Amino acid sequence: MDTEQTNSLEVAVPTPATVAAQVAPRRLTQADIDREVARALRDAEKGLKPADYDEVREAAERATELEARISGLQGEISEAKLENLRIAVAARFGVSDEDRELLMTGTDEAALIAQAERLGAPARPMGNVARKEGATVQTGPRRDPELSEFVDQLFGGYSIWD
């Protein structure tokens, strides 16, 4: 009863020494390793496969499929994050949806902000288009009597010039 103790329910409880002996790492010598390598080479030459070869191969194929799927999903996530950033930046600078789709092509926040600043900037005012609007007009007799006479003849004596 040195290696095991019993409790009142008559269940065997292992001692720490017993557990340590069971989980102690197995020490391999170089001869053990050489023997295992030689056995594996012999089996490979004979075309023998390990018992779990098919299971390992199927697991490897499944892992490859899962890695490809993970890669695809990561790409979709990246695209969604970029589109979300594009929408947020466009909204912040007042860029229309059409301009955002067509012209905001940046792939990082700094480029998108630069594009949005340019697209969302208000156009410069053109200034006064009717340049003489509001200016005073000189009234009174015209200085050119020939023009005044021509206008009188043209309109039958009714002239707005005089």
N, C-alpha and C. Protein backbone atom coordinates (compact mmCIF):
# COMPACT_ATOMS: atom_id res chain seq x y z
N MET A 1 0.80 -1.18 0.00
CA MET A 1 0.00 0.00 0.00
C MET A 1 0.85 1.25 0.00
N ASP A 2 2.08 1.10 -0.40
CA ASP A 2 2.99 2.23 -0.43
C ASP A 2 2.75 3.12 -1.64
N THR A 3 2.40 2.53 -2.79
CA THR A 3 2.23 3.34 -3.99
C THR A 3 0.81 3.83 -4.17
N GLU A 4 -0.13 3.21 -3.54
CA GLU A 4 -1.51 3.65 -3.71
C GLU A 4 -2.17 3.77 -2.36
N GLN A 5 -3.10 4.72 -2.28
CA GLN A 5 -3.84 4.92 -1.06
C GLN A 5 -5.30 4.62 -1.36
N THR A 6 -6.05 4.24 -0.37
CA THR A 6 -7.48 4.02 -0.56
C THR A 6 -8.22 4.94 0.37
N ASN A 7 -9.38 5.36 -0.10
CA ASN A 7 -10.20 6.20 0.77
C ASN A 7 -11.34 5.36 1.32
N SER A 8 -12.26 5.98 1.98
CA SER A 8 -13.32 5.23 2.65
C SER A 8 -14.27 4.55 1.68
N LEU A 9 -14.27 4.93 0.42
CA LEU A 9 -15.15 4.32 -0.57
C LEU A 9 -14.47 3.18 -1.32
N GLU A 10 -13.30 2.82 -0.93
CA GLU A 10 -12.54 1.74 -1.54
C GLU A 10 -12.18 2.02 -3.00
N VAL A 11 -11.89 3.29 -3.32
CA VAL A 11 -11.45 3.66 -4.66
C VAL A 11 -9.96 3.89 -4.60
N ALA A 12 -9.23 3.32 -5.54
CA ALA A 12 -7.78 3.45 -5.53
C ALA A 12 -7.41 4.84 -6.04
N VAL A 13 -6.63 5.56 -5.28
CA VAL A 13 -6.17 6.89 -5.66
C VAL A 13 -4.66 6.80 -5.83
N PRO A 14 -4.16 7.13 -7.02
CA PRO A 14 -2.71 7.03 -7.23
C PRO A 14 -1.97 8.11 -6.44
N THR A 15 -0.78 7.75 -6.04
CA THR A 15 0.07 8.70 -5.32
C THR A 15 0.82 9.55 -6.33
N PRO A 16 1.35 10.67 -5.89
CA PRO A 16 2.11 11.53 -6.81
C PRO A 16 3.29 10.80 -7.45
N ALA A 17 3.90 9.90 -6.74
CA ALA A 17 5.04 9.16 -7.31
C ALA A 17 4.57 8.27 -8.45
N THR A 18 3.41 7.65 -8.30
CA THR A 18 2.87 6.77 -9.34
C THR A 18 2.54 7.59 -10.59
N VAL A 19 1.91 8.74 -10.39
CA VAL A 19 1.56 9.60 -11.53
C VAL A 19 2.83 10.09 -12.22
N ALA A 20 3.82 10.48 -11.47
CA ALA A 20 5.07 10.96 -12.05
C ALA A 20 5.75 9.88 -12.87
N ALA A 21 5.72 8.66 -12.40
CA ALA A 21 6.34 7.56 -13.13
C ALA A 21 5.59 7.28 -14.43
N GLN A 22 4.27 7.46 -14.43
CA GLN A 22 3.48 7.20 -15.63
C GLN A 22 3.66 8.29 -16.68
N VAL A 23 3.84 9.50 -16.28
CA VAL A 23 3.97 10.59 -17.24
C VAL A 23 5.41 11.01 -17.51
N ALA A 24 6.36 10.35 -16.91
CA ALA A 24 7.77 10.68 -17.13
C ALA A 24 8.10 10.49 -18.61
N PRO A 25 8.84 11.41 -19.20
CA PRO A 25 9.17 11.28 -20.63
C PRO A 25 10.07 10.06 -20.86
N ARG A 26 9.80 9.44 -21.98
CA ARG A 26 10.60 8.27 -22.35
C ARG A 26 11.89 8.76 -22.97
N ARG A 27 12.98 8.23 -22.54
CA ARG A 27 14.27 8.65 -23.06
C ARG A 27 14.67 7.74 -24.20
N LEU A 28 14.91 8.34 -25.35
CA LEU A 28 15.33 7.56 -26.52
C LEU A 28 16.82 7.69 -26.69
N THR A 29 17.42 6.57 -27.02
CA THR A 29 18.84 6.58 -27.32
C THR A 29 19.01 6.72 -28.82
N GLN A 30 20.20 6.96 -29.26
CA GLN A 30 20.47 7.06 -30.70
C GLN A 30 20.17 5.73 -31.37
N ALA A 31 20.42 4.64 -30.70
CA ALA A 31 20.13 3.33 -31.27
C ALA A 31 18.62 3.16 -31.49
N ASP A 32 17.80 3.63 -30.54
CA ASP A 32 16.33 3.56 -30.70
C ASP A 32 15.89 4.37 -31.92
N ILE A 33 16.44 5.56 -32.06
CA ILE A 33 16.08 6.42 -33.19
C ILE A 33 16.50 5.78 -34.51
N ASP A 34 17.73 5.23 -34.55
CA ASP A 34 18.22 4.58 -35.77
C ASP A 34 17.34 3.39 -36.14
N ARG A 35 16.92 2.64 -35.14
CA ARG A 35 16.07 1.48 -35.38
C ARG A 35 14.72 1.90 -35.97
N GLU A 36 14.12 2.96 -35.45
CA GLU A 36 12.83 3.45 -35.96
C GLU A 36 12.97 3.99 -37.38
N VAL A 37 14.05 4.70 -37.64
CA VAL A 37 14.28 5.24 -39.00
C VAL A 37 14.47 4.10 -39.98
N ALA A 38 15.25 3.11 -39.60
CA ALA A 38 15.47 1.97 -40.49
C ALA A 38 14.16 1.24 -40.76
N ARG A 39 13.32 1.07 -39.75
CA ARG A 39 12.03 0.40 -39.94
C ARG A 39 11.14 1.20 -40.89
N ALA A 40 11.12 2.52 -40.74
CA ALA A 40 10.31 3.37 -41.61
C ALA A 40 10.81 3.30 -43.04
N LEU A 41 12.13 3.25 -43.23
CA LEU A 41 12.69 3.15 -44.59
C LEU A 41 12.35 1.80 -45.23
N ARG A 42 12.45 0.72 -44.44
CA ARG A 42 12.08 -0.61 -44.95
C ARG A 42 10.62 -0.63 -45.38
N ASP A 43 9.75 -0.08 -44.55
CA ASP A 43 8.32 -0.05 -44.87
C ASP A 43 8.07 0.78 -46.13
N ALA A 44 8.79 1.87 -46.29
CA ALA A 44 8.61 2.71 -47.47
C ALA A 44 9.07 1.99 -48.72
N GLU A 45 10.17 1.24 -48.64
CA GLU A 45 10.66 0.49 -49.80
C GLU A 45 9.68 -0.61 -50.19
N LYS A 46 9.02 -1.20 -49.23
CA LYS A 46 8.06 -2.26 -49.51
C LYS A 46 6.71 -1.72 -49.93
N GLY A 47 6.54 -0.42 -49.82
CA GLY A 47 5.27 0.18 -50.18
C GLY A 47 4.25 0.10 -49.07
N LEU A 48 4.70 -0.20 -47.89
CA LEU A 48 3.76 -0.26 -46.76
C LEU A 48 3.49 1.15 -46.24
N LYS A 49 2.26 1.37 -45.89
CA LYS A 49 1.88 2.66 -45.34
C LYS A 49 1.59 2.48 -43.86
N PRO A 50 1.83 3.51 -43.10
CA PRO A 50 1.44 3.42 -41.69
C PRO A 50 -0.08 3.22 -41.60
N ALA A 51 -0.52 2.67 -40.53
CA ALA A 51 -1.93 2.34 -40.35
C ALA A 51 -2.82 3.57 -40.47
N ASP A 52 -2.35 4.71 -40.03
CA ASP A 52 -3.19 5.90 -40.06
C ASP A 52 -2.86 6.82 -41.25
N TYR A 53 -2.22 6.30 -42.29
CA TYR A 53 -1.82 7.11 -43.44
C TYR A 53 -3.03 7.76 -44.10
N ASP A 54 -4.08 6.99 -44.35
CA ASP A 54 -5.26 7.53 -45.02
C ASP A 54 -5.91 8.62 -44.18
N GLU A 55 -5.97 8.40 -42.89
CA GLU A 55 -6.55 9.41 -42.01
C GLU A 55 -5.73 10.69 -42.02
N VAL A 56 -4.41 10.54 -41.99
CA VAL A 56 -3.52 11.70 -42.00
C VAL A 56 -3.65 12.44 -43.34
N ARG A 57 -3.71 11.68 -44.45
CA ARG A 57 -3.85 12.29 -45.77
C ARG A 57 -5.17 13.05 -45.87
N GLU A 58 -6.26 12.47 -45.39
CA GLU A 58 -7.56 13.14 -45.42
C GLU A 58 -7.54 14.39 -44.55
N ALA A 59 -6.90 14.29 -43.40
CA ALA A 59 -6.81 15.46 -42.51
C ALA A 59 -6.00 16.56 -43.17
N ALA A 60 -4.93 16.19 -43.87
CA ALA A 60 -4.10 17.19 -44.56
C ALA A 60 -4.88 17.85 -45.68
N GLU A 61 -5.65 17.08 -46.44
CA GLU A 61 -6.47 17.65 -47.51
C GLU A 61 -7.52 18.60 -46.93
N ARG A 62 -8.14 18.18 -45.87
CA ARG A 62 -9.16 19.01 -45.22
C ARG A 62 -8.52 20.30 -44.69
N ALA A 63 -7.32 20.18 -44.13
CA ALA A 63 -6.61 21.36 -43.63
C ALA A 63 -6.29 22.31 -44.78
N THR A 64 -5.90 21.76 -45.93
CA THR A 64 -5.61 22.60 -47.09
C THR A 64 -6.87 23.32 -47.56
N GLU A 65 -7.99 22.60 -47.60
CA GLU A 65 -9.27 23.22 -47.98
C GLU A 65 -9.65 24.33 -47.01
N LEU A 66 -9.49 24.05 -45.71
CA LEU A 66 -9.84 25.05 -44.71
C LEU A 66 -8.94 26.28 -44.79
N GLU A 67 -7.65 26.07 -45.07
CA GLU A 67 -6.74 27.20 -45.22
C GLU A 67 -7.14 28.06 -46.40
N ALA A 68 -7.53 27.43 -47.52
CA ALA A 68 -7.98 28.18 -48.69
C ALA A 68 -9.25 28.96 -48.36
N ARG A 69 -10.16 28.34 -47.64
CA ARG A 69 -11.41 29.02 -47.27
C ARG A 69 -11.13 30.19 -46.34
N ILE A 70 -10.24 29.97 -45.38
CA ILE A 70 -9.86 31.04 -44.44
C ILE A 70 -9.24 32.21 -45.21
N SER A 71 -8.38 31.89 -46.16
CA SER A 71 -7.75 32.93 -46.96
C SER A 71 -8.79 33.73 -47.73
N GLY A 72 -9.76 33.04 -48.32
CA GLY A 72 -10.83 33.71 -49.05
C GLY A 72 -11.67 34.59 -48.14
N LEU A 73 -11.99 34.09 -46.96
CA LEU A 73 -12.78 34.88 -46.02
C LEU A 73 -12.02 36.09 -45.51
N GLN A 74 -10.72 35.93 -45.32
CA GLN A 74 -9.91 37.08 -44.90
C GLN A 74 -9.90 38.15 -45.99
N GLY A 75 -9.84 37.72 -47.25
CA GLY A 75 -9.92 38.67 -48.35
C GLY A 75 -11.25 39.41 -48.37
N GLU A 76 -12.34 38.67 -48.16
CA GLU A 76 -13.67 39.30 -48.11
C GLU A 76 -13.77 40.28 -46.96
N ILE A 77 -13.21 39.92 -45.82
CA ILE A 77 -13.23 40.82 -44.66
C ILE A 77 -12.45 42.09 -44.97
N SER A 78 -11.30 41.95 -45.61
CA SER A 78 -10.49 43.13 -45.97
C SER A 78 -11.26 44.03 -46.92
N GLU A 79 -11.93 43.44 -47.92
CA GLU A 79 -12.71 44.23 -48.87
C GLU A 79 -13.85 44.94 -48.17
N ALA A 80 -14.52 44.26 -47.25
CA ALA A 80 -15.63 44.87 -46.53
C ALA A 80 -15.15 46.02 -45.65
N LYS A 81 -14.01 45.84 -45.00
CA LYS A 81 -13.46 46.91 -44.17
C LYS A 81 -13.10 48.12 -45.02
N LEU A 82 -12.50 47.89 -46.18
CA LEU A 82 -12.13 48.99 -47.07
C LEU A 82 -13.38 49.72 -47.57
N GLU A 83 -14.41 48.98 -47.94
CA GLU A 83 -15.65 49.62 -48.41
C GLU A 83 -16.30 50.40 -47.27
N ASN A 84 -16.28 49.87 -46.07
CA ASN A 84 -16.82 50.59 -44.91
C ASN A 84 -16.05 51.88 -44.67
N LEU A 85 -14.74 51.83 -44.76
CA LEU A 85 -13.91 53.02 -44.59
C LEU A 85 -14.21 54.02 -45.70
N ARG A 86 -14.35 53.54 -46.93
CA ARG A 86 -14.65 54.42 -48.07
C ARG A 86 -15.98 55.14 -47.85
N ILE A 87 -16.99 54.43 -47.38
CA ILE A 87 -18.31 55.03 -47.14
C ILE A 87 -18.22 56.07 -46.01
N ALA A 88 -17.51 55.73 -44.95
CA ALA A 88 -17.40 56.64 -43.80
C ALA A 88 -16.68 57.93 -44.20
N VAL A 89 -15.59 57.81 -44.94
CA VAL A 89 -14.83 59.00 -45.34
C VAL A 89 -15.66 59.84 -46.31
N ALA A 90 -16.35 59.20 -47.24
CA ALA A 90 -17.18 59.94 -48.20
C ALA A 90 -18.30 60.69 -47.48
N ALA A 91 -18.90 60.06 -46.49
CA ALA A 91 -19.98 60.71 -45.74
C ALA A 91 -19.44 61.89 -44.94
N ARG A 92 -18.25 61.75 -44.39
CA ARG A 92 -17.67 62.82 -43.59
C ARG A 92 -17.38 64.06 -44.43
N PHE A 93 -17.02 63.88 -45.71
CA PHE A 93 -16.67 65.01 -46.56
C PHE A 93 -17.78 65.38 -47.53
N GLY A 94 -18.92 64.71 -47.45
CA GLY A 94 -20.06 65.08 -48.30
C GLY A 94 -19.91 64.67 -49.75
N VAL A 95 -19.22 63.57 -50.02
CA VAL A 95 -19.05 63.09 -51.39
C VAL A 95 -20.28 62.26 -51.75
N SER A 96 -20.81 62.48 -52.95
CA SER A 96 -22.01 61.74 -53.37
C SER A 96 -21.67 60.26 -53.58
N ASP A 97 -22.72 59.44 -53.57
CA ASP A 97 -22.53 58.00 -53.75
C ASP A 97 -21.93 57.69 -55.11
N GLU A 98 -22.37 58.39 -56.15
CA GLU A 98 -21.84 58.14 -57.50
C GLU A 98 -20.36 58.47 -57.57
N ASP A 99 -19.98 59.63 -56.99
CA ASP A 99 -18.56 60.01 -57.00
C ASP A 99 -17.73 59.04 -56.16
N ARG A 100 -18.30 58.59 -55.05
CA ARG A 100 -17.57 57.65 -54.20
C ARG A 100 -17.28 56.36 -54.96
N GLU A 101 -18.30 55.82 -55.64
CA GLU A 101 -18.11 54.57 -56.37
C GLU A 101 -17.13 54.72 -57.52
N LEU A 102 -17.21 55.86 -58.20
CA LEU A 102 -16.41 56.04 -59.41
C LEU A 102 -15.01 56.56 -59.14
N LEU A 103 -14.87 57.48 -58.20
CA LEU A 103 -13.61 58.21 -58.08
C LEU A 103 -12.79 57.92 -56.83
N MET A 104 -13.41 57.40 -55.78
CA MET A 104 -12.63 57.12 -54.56
C MET A 104 -12.03 55.72 -54.66
N THR A 105 -10.80 55.64 -55.14
CA THR A 105 -10.16 54.36 -55.41
C THR A 105 -9.01 54.05 -54.46
N GLY A 106 -8.79 54.87 -53.45
CA GLY A 106 -7.68 54.66 -52.53
C GLY A 106 -7.83 53.35 -51.76
N THR A 107 -6.71 52.82 -51.31
CA THR A 107 -6.74 51.56 -50.57
C THR A 107 -6.36 51.73 -49.11
N ASP A 108 -6.07 52.97 -48.70
CA ASP A 108 -5.80 53.23 -47.29
C ASP A 108 -6.50 54.53 -46.89
N GLU A 109 -6.56 54.78 -45.61
CA GLU A 109 -7.33 55.91 -45.12
C GLU A 109 -6.78 57.25 -45.60
N ALA A 110 -5.46 57.39 -45.63
CA ALA A 110 -4.87 58.66 -46.04
C ALA A 110 -5.23 58.99 -47.49
N ALA A 111 -5.15 58.01 -48.37
CA ALA A 111 -5.49 58.24 -49.78
C ALA A 111 -6.97 58.56 -49.94
N LEU A 112 -7.81 57.84 -49.20
CA LEU A 112 -9.25 58.10 -49.29
C LEU A 112 -9.60 59.49 -48.78
N ILE A 113 -8.95 59.93 -47.72
CA ILE A 113 -9.21 61.27 -47.18
C ILE A 113 -8.77 62.33 -48.19
N ALA A 114 -7.61 62.14 -48.80
CA ALA A 114 -7.14 63.10 -49.81
C ALA A 114 -8.12 63.18 -50.98
N GLN A 115 -8.60 62.04 -51.44
CA GLN A 115 -9.55 62.04 -52.55
C GLN A 115 -10.86 62.69 -52.13
N ALA A 116 -11.34 62.39 -50.93
CA ALA A 116 -12.61 62.94 -50.46
C ALA A 116 -12.51 64.45 -50.26
N GLU A 117 -11.37 64.94 -49.77
CA GLU A 117 -11.20 66.38 -49.62
C GLU A 117 -11.30 67.07 -50.97
N ARG A 118 -10.69 66.46 -51.96
CA ARG A 118 -10.72 67.05 -53.31
C ARG A 118 -12.13 66.99 -53.91
N LEU A 119 -12.80 65.86 -53.74
CA LEU A 119 -14.13 65.69 -54.33
C LEU A 119 -15.20 66.46 -53.56
N GLY A 120 -15.06 66.57 -52.27
CA GLY A 120 -16.08 67.19 -51.45
C GLY A 120 -15.90 68.68 -51.29
N ALA A 121 -14.81 69.25 -51.80
CA ALA A 121 -14.56 70.67 -51.64
C ALA A 121 -15.57 71.46 -52.47
N PRO A 122 -16.15 72.49 -51.89
CA PRO A 122 -17.11 73.29 -52.66
C PRO A 122 -16.40 74.03 -53.79
N ALA A 123 -17.12 74.20 -54.87
CA ALA A 123 -16.54 74.90 -56.02
C ALA A 123 -16.31 76.36 -55.65
N ARG A 124 -15.26 76.95 -56.22
CA ARG A 124 -14.99 78.36 -55.95
C ARG A 124 -16.09 79.21 -56.58
N PRO A 125 -16.52 80.24 -55.90
CA PRO A 125 -17.54 81.09 -56.51
C PRO A 125 -16.97 81.77 -57.75
N MET A 126 -17.81 81.91 -58.74
CA MET A 126 -17.36 82.49 -60.01
C MET A 126 -17.29 84.00 -59.94
N GLY A 127 -17.82 84.59 -58.93
CA GLY A 127 -17.81 86.05 -58.85
C GLY A 127 -19.04 86.61 -59.57
N ASN A 128 -19.02 87.90 -59.78
CA ASN A 128 -20.14 88.57 -60.42
C ASN A 128 -20.08 88.31 -61.91
N VAL A 129 -21.07 87.59 -62.41
CA VAL A 129 -21.08 87.25 -63.83
C VAL A 129 -21.57 88.43 -64.65
N ALA A 130 -22.61 89.11 -64.19
CA ALA A 130 -23.11 90.30 -64.88
C ALA A 130 -22.29 91.46 -64.35
N ARG A 131 -21.21 91.75 -64.99
CA ARG A 131 -20.22 92.67 -64.47
C ARG A 131 -20.76 94.09 -64.25
N LYS A 132 -21.63 94.56 -65.11
CA LYS A 132 -22.12 95.93 -64.98
C LYS A 132 -23.48 95.98 -64.28
N GLU A 133 -23.90 94.89 -63.72
CA GLU A 133 -25.17 94.87 -63.02
C GLU A 133 -25.08 95.80 -61.82
N GLY A 134 -26.05 96.68 -61.71
CA GLY A 134 -26.09 97.61 -60.60
C GLY A 134 -25.33 98.89 -60.85
N ALA A 135 -24.67 99.00 -61.99
CA ALA A 135 -23.92 100.24 -62.30
C ALA A 135 -24.91 101.31 -62.77
N THR A 136 -24.54 102.55 -62.56
CA THR A 136 -25.40 103.65 -63.02
C THR A 136 -25.21 103.86 -64.51
N VAL A 137 -26.32 104.25 -65.16
CA VAL A 137 -26.29 104.47 -66.60
C VAL A 137 -26.44 105.97 -66.84
N GLN A 138 -25.62 106.50 -67.71
CA GLN A 138 -25.67 107.93 -68.03
C GLN A 138 -26.89 108.18 -68.91
N THR A 139 -27.68 109.13 -68.52
CA THR A 139 -28.83 109.53 -69.33
C THR A 139 -28.61 110.93 -69.85
N GLY A 140 -29.37 111.28 -70.83
CA GLY A 140 -29.25 112.63 -71.38
C GLY A 140 -28.93 112.56 -72.86
N PRO A 141 -28.63 113.72 -73.44
CA PRO A 141 -28.38 113.74 -74.88
C PRO A 141 -27.14 112.94 -75.23
N ARG A 142 -27.21 112.30 -76.36
CA ARG A 142 -26.07 111.52 -76.85
C ARG A 142 -25.04 112.45 -77.43
N ARG A 143 -23.86 112.05 -77.36
CA ARG A 143 -22.79 112.88 -77.89
C ARG A 143 -22.67 112.74 -79.40
N ASP A 144 -23.20 111.66 -79.91
CA ASP A 144 -23.06 111.42 -81.35
C ASP A 144 -24.38 111.81 -82.04
N PRO A 145 -24.46 112.98 -82.65
CA PRO A 145 -25.70 113.41 -83.27
C PRO A 145 -26.08 112.56 -84.49
N GLU A 146 -25.09 112.03 -85.21
CA GLU A 146 -25.39 111.20 -86.37
C GLU A 146 -26.11 109.92 -85.94
N LEU A 147 -25.66 109.31 -84.87
CA LEU A 147 -26.29 108.10 -84.37
C LEU A 147 -27.71 108.41 -83.90
N SER A 148 -27.87 109.54 -83.23
CA SER A 148 -29.18 109.93 -82.75
C SER A 148 -30.14 110.16 -83.91
N GLU A 149 -29.68 110.78 -84.97
CA GLU A 149 -30.50 111.02 -86.16
C GLU A 149 -30.86 109.72 -86.85
N PHE A 150 -29.89 108.76 -86.90
CA PHE A 150 -30.14 107.46 -87.53
C PHE A 150 -31.21 106.69 -86.76
N VAL A 151 -31.14 106.74 -85.45
CA VAL A 151 -32.10 106.03 -84.61
C VAL A 151 -33.49 106.66 -84.77
N ASP A 152 -33.54 107.97 -84.85
CA ASP A 152 -34.82 108.65 -85.08
C ASP A 152 -35.46 108.21 -86.38
N GLN A 153 -34.65 108.12 -87.43
CA GLN A 153 -35.17 107.70 -88.73
C GLN A 153 -35.61 106.22 -88.67
N LEU A 154 -34.82 105.41 -87.96
CA LEU A 154 -35.11 103.98 -87.89
C LEU A 154 -36.43 103.72 -87.17
N PHE A 155 -36.68 104.44 -86.11
CA PHE A 155 -37.87 104.21 -85.31
C PHE A 155 -38.97 105.23 -85.58
N GLY A 156 -38.84 105.97 -86.57
CA GLY A 156 -39.89 106.92 -86.95
C GLY A 156 -40.04 108.05 -85.97
N GLY A 157 -38.99 108.59 -85.47
CA GLY A 157 -39.05 109.73 -84.59
C GLY A 157 -39.23 109.37 -83.12
N TYR A 158 -39.44 108.11 -82.88
CA TYR A 158 -39.58 107.70 -81.48
C TYR A 158 -38.26 107.13 -81.03
N SER A 159 -37.53 107.80 -80.22
CA SER A 159 -36.21 107.37 -79.83
C SER A 159 -36.12 107.24 -78.31
N ILE A 160 -35.55 106.19 -77.93
CA ILE A 160 -35.31 106.00 -76.50
C ILE A 160 -33.96 106.58 -76.11
N TRP A 161 -33.22 107.04 -77.08
CA TRP A 161 -31.89 107.58 -76.82
C TRP A 161 -31.94 108.98 -76.27
N ASP A 162 -32.89 109.71 -76.62
CA ASP A 162 -32.89 111.12 -76.22
C ASP A 162 -33.78 111.33 -75.05
